[in-house]
C-alpha atoms as a PDB file:
ATOM      1  CA  GLN A   1      38.883  -0.503 -11.471  1.00  0.00           C
ATOM      2  CA  VAL A   2      35.219   0.034 -12.242  1.00  0.00           C
ATOM      3  CA  GLN A   3      33.652   3.150 -10.787  1.00  0.00           C
ATOM      4  CA  LEU A   4      30.191   4.654 -11.043  1.00  0.00           C
ATOM      5  CA  VAL A   5      29.813   7.912  -9.156  1.00  0.00           C
ATOM      6  CA  GLU A   6      26.415   9.565  -8.882  1.00  0.00           C
ATOM      7  CA  SER A   7      25.993  13.239  -8.145  1.00  0.00           C
ATOM      8  CA  GLY A   8      23.322  15.910  -8.293  1.00  0.00           C
ATOM      9  CA  GLY A   9      20.982  14.737  -5.580  1.00  0.00           C
ATOM     10  CA  GLY A  10      19.667  16.959  -2.833  1.00  0.00           C
ATOM     11  CA  LEU A  11      16.643  18.572  -1.265  1.00  0.00           C
ATOM     12  CA  VAL A  12      14.117  20.206  -3.573  1.00  0.00           C
ATOM     13  CA  GLN A  13      10.582  21.517  -3.188  1.00  0.00           C
ATOM     14  CA  PRO A  14       7.669  19.814  -4.946  1.00  0.00           C
ATOM     15  CA  GLY A  15       7.537  20.931  -8.552  1.00  0.00           C
ATOM     16  CA  GLY A  16      11.261  21.566  -8.627  1.00  0.00           C
ATOM     17  CA  SER A  17      14.018  20.034 -10.699  1.00  0.00           C
ATOM     18  CA  LEU A  18      17.282  18.201 -10.226  1.00  0.00           C
ATOM     19  CA  ARG A  19      19.790  16.714 -12.650  1.00  0.00           C
ATOM     20  CA  LEU A  20      21.557  13.522 -11.668  1.00  0.00           C
ATOM     21  CA  SER A  21      24.858  12.529 -13.228  1.00  0.00           C
ATOM     22  CA  CYS A  22      26.644   9.181 -13.253  1.00  0.00           C
ATOM     23  CA  ALA A  23      30.331   9.492 -14.076  1.00  0.00           C
ATOM     24  CA  THR A  24      31.934   6.165 -14.895  1.00  0.00           C
ATOM     25  CA  SER A  25      35.337   4.644 -15.502  1.00  0.00           C
ATOM     26  CA  GLY A  26      36.983   1.266 -15.800  1.00  0.00           C
ATOM     27  CA  PHE A  27      34.769  -0.276 -18.492  1.00  0.00           C
ATOM     28  CA  ILE A  28      33.707   0.329 -22.090  1.00  0.00           C
ATOM     29  CA  PHE A  29      30.844   2.685 -21.340  1.00  0.00           C
ATOM     30  CA  ARG A  30      29.448   2.955 -24.856  1.00  0.00           C
ATOM     31  CA  ILE A  31      28.487  -0.743 -25.101  1.00  0.00           C
ATOM     32  CA  TYR A  32      26.680  -0.928 -21.757  1.00  0.00           C
ATOM     33  CA  VAL A  33      23.025  -0.440 -20.920  1.00  0.00           C
ATOM     34  CA  MET A  34      22.851   2.381 -18.407  1.00  0.00           C
ATOM     35  CA  GLY A  35      20.029   2.578 -15.931  1.00  0.00           C
ATOM     36  CA  TRP A  36      18.786   4.677 -13.083  1.00  0.00           C
ATOM     37  CA  TYR A  37      17.077   2.937 -10.180  1.00  0.00           C
ATOM     38  CA  ARG A  38      15.676   4.205  -6.929  1.00  0.00           C
ATOM     39  CA  GLN A  39      14.856   2.823  -3.526  1.00  0.00           C
ATOM     40  CA  ALA A  40      12.584   4.542  -1.059  1.00  0.00           C
ATOM     41  CA  PRO A  41      12.580   3.607   2.639  1.00  0.00           C
ATOM     42  CA  GLY A  42      10.773   0.328   3.180  1.00  0.00           C
ATOM     43  CA  LYS A  43      10.367  -0.304  -0.541  1.00  0.00           C
ATOM     44  CA  GLN A  44      12.121  -2.429  -3.122  1.00  0.00           C
ATOM     45  CA  ARG A  45      14.570  -0.939  -5.553  1.00  0.00           C
ATOM     46  CA  GLU A  46      12.830  -0.098  -8.805  1.00  0.00           C
ATOM     47  CA  LEU A  47      13.836   0.844 -12.317  1.00  0.00           C
ATOM     48  CA  VAL A  48      13.366   4.520 -13.098  1.00  0.00           C
ATOM     49  CA  ALA A  49      14.805   4.705 -16.611  1.00  0.00           C
ATOM     50  CA  SER A  50      17.285   2.973 -18.861  1.00  0.00           C
ATOM     51  CA  ILE A  51      19.112   3.637 -22.103  1.00  0.00           C
ATOM     52  CA  THR A  52      20.732   1.010 -24.292  1.00  0.00           C
ATOM     53  CA  ALA A  53      23.961   1.295 -26.237  1.00  0.00           C
ATOM     54  CA  GLY A  54      21.795   2.173 -29.223  1.00  0.00           C
ATOM     55  CA  SER A  55      19.947   4.826 -27.189  1.00  0.00           C
ATOM     56  CA  ARG A  56      16.701   2.899 -26.872  1.00  0.00           C
ATOM     57  CA  LEU A  57      14.852   4.374 -23.903  1.00  0.00           C
ATOM     58  CA  ASN A  58      12.664   2.842 -21.238  1.00  0.00           C
ATOM     59  CA  TYR A  59      10.865   4.630 -18.408  1.00  0.00           C
ATOM     60  CA  ALA A  60       8.805   3.700 -15.414  1.00  0.00           C
ATOM     61  CA  ASP A  61       5.234   4.893 -15.913  1.00  0.00           C
ATOM     62  CA  SER A  62       5.501   7.059 -12.808  1.00  0.00           C
ATOM     63  CA  VAL A  63       8.236   9.249 -14.323  1.00  0.00           C
ATOM     64  CA  LYS A  64       7.239   9.404 -17.990  1.00  0.00           C
ATOM     65  CA  GLY A  65       7.088  12.973 -19.213  1.00  0.00           C
ATOM     66  CA  ARG A  66       9.002  14.264 -16.194  1.00  0.00           C
ATOM     67  CA  PHE A  67      12.382  12.491 -16.281  1.00  0.00           C
ATOM     68  CA  THR A  68      14.707  12.134 -19.273  1.00  0.00           C
ATOM     69  CA  ILE A  69      17.609   9.705 -19.359  1.00  0.00           C
ATOM     70  CA  SER A  70      20.560  10.409 -21.629  1.00  0.00           C
ATOM     71  CA  ARG A  71      24.167   9.377 -22.122  1.00  0.00           C
ATOM     72  CA  ASP A  72      27.335  11.038 -23.340  1.00  0.00           C
ATOM     73  CA  ASN A  73      29.674   8.356 -24.641  1.00  0.00           C
ATOM     74  CA  ALA A  74      32.482  10.896 -25.058  1.00  0.00           C
ATOM     75  CA  LYS A  75      32.357  11.613 -21.330  1.00  0.00           C
ATOM     76  CA  ASP A  76      31.418   8.106 -20.125  1.00  0.00           C
ATOM     77  CA  THR A  77      28.562   9.702 -18.228  1.00  0.00           C
ATOM     78  CA  ALA A  78      24.836   9.116 -17.936  1.00  0.00           C
ATOM     79  CA  TYR A  79      22.325  11.758 -16.900  1.00  0.00           C
ATOM     80  CA  LEU A  80      18.843  11.963 -15.435  1.00  0.00           C
ATOM     81  CA  PRO A  81      17.254  15.380 -15.502  1.00  0.00           C
ATOM     82  CA  MET A  82      14.176  15.272 -13.290  1.00  0.00           C
ATOM     83  CA  ASN A  83      11.401  17.856 -13.552  1.00  0.00           C
ATOM     84  CA  SER A  84       8.103  18.388 -11.754  1.00  0.00           C
ATOM     85  CA  LEU A  85       9.391  16.429  -8.789  1.00  0.00           C
ATOM     86  CA  LYS A  86       6.888  14.995  -6.349  1.00  0.00           C
ATOM     87  CA  PRO A  87       7.269  13.888  -2.724  1.00  0.00           C
ATOM     88  CA  GLU A  88       6.867  10.284  -3.896  1.00  0.00           C
ATOM     89  CA  ASP A  89      10.066  10.679  -5.934  1.00  0.00           C
ATOM     90  CA  THR A  90      12.002  10.812  -2.659  1.00  0.00           C
ATOM     91  CA  ALA A  91      14.502   7.956  -2.659  1.00  0.00           C
ATOM     92  CA  VAL A  92      18.127   7.013  -3.018  1.00  0.00           C
ATOM     93  CA  TYR A  93      18.900   6.989  -6.730  1.00  0.00           C
ATOM     94  CA  TYR A  94      21.403   4.496  -8.088  1.00  0.00           C
ATOM     95  CA  CYS A  95      23.208   4.270 -11.401  1.00  0.00           C
ATOM     96  CA  ARG A  96      23.667   0.840 -12.987  1.00  0.00           C
ATOM     97  CA  ALA A  97      25.754  -0.394 -15.913  1.00  0.00           C
ATOM     98  CA  GLU A  98      24.885  -3.747 -17.506  1.00  0.00           C
ATOM     99  CA  PHE A  99      26.394  -5.802 -20.282  1.00  0.00           C
ATOM    100  CA  GLY A 100      24.215  -8.844 -20.754  1.00  0.00           C
ATOM    101  CA  ALA A 101      24.968 -11.501 -18.172  1.00  0.00           C
ATOM    102  CA  THR A 102      28.651 -10.622 -18.290  1.00  0.00           C
ATOM    103  CA  ALA A 103      28.849  -7.511 -16.156  1.00  0.00           C
ATOM    104  CA  ASP A 104      26.626  -5.626 -13.745  1.00  0.00           C
ATOM    105  CA  TYR A 105      27.937  -2.577 -11.894  1.00  0.00           C
ATOM    106  CA  TRP A 106      26.257  -0.215  -9.419  1.00  0.00           C
ATOM    107  CA  GLY A 107      27.055   3.178  -8.013  1.00  0.00           C
ATOM    108  CA  GLN A 108      26.848   4.095  -4.346  1.00  0.00           C
ATOM    109  CA  GLY A 109      23.658   6.115  -4.709  1.00  0.00           C
ATOM    110  CA  THR A 110      22.623   9.716  -4.224  1.00  0.00           C
ATOM    111  CA  GLN A 111      19.769  10.921  -2.024  1.00  0.00           C
ATOM    112  CA  VAL A 112      16.886  12.843  -3.573  1.00  0.00           C
ATOM    113  CA  THR A 113      14.421  14.406  -1.146  1.00  0.00           C
ATOM    114  CA  VAL A 114      11.335  16.217  -2.374  1.00  0.00           C
ATOM    115  CA  SER A 115       9.739  18.166   0.435  1.00  0.00           C
ATOM    116  CA  SER A 116       8.362  21.572   1.259  1.00  0.00           C
END
């Protein structure tokens, strides 16, 4: 059974940091593209960052220089350390695993709230 479980969300003040984790099981993690997406209230879900099986990185312009996506193939886990958080980063953050058109899995999401 495929599982993607996000953790690490919470409430943080502007300028603070959080580290999201996405622990996975049930598929061959190392061959999948892993991505982090977010959805704020009233907005569409958007790509935050992604990392390919070959560790090619892609970031939304709004998070470049502040967020860093990584993966640990030995632990079947993806990470998203987030620094210099802003109120506009407030959203539910989702982990996604893709393998071409063959497979597309999502986690349940974790809430990130940036507020003073």
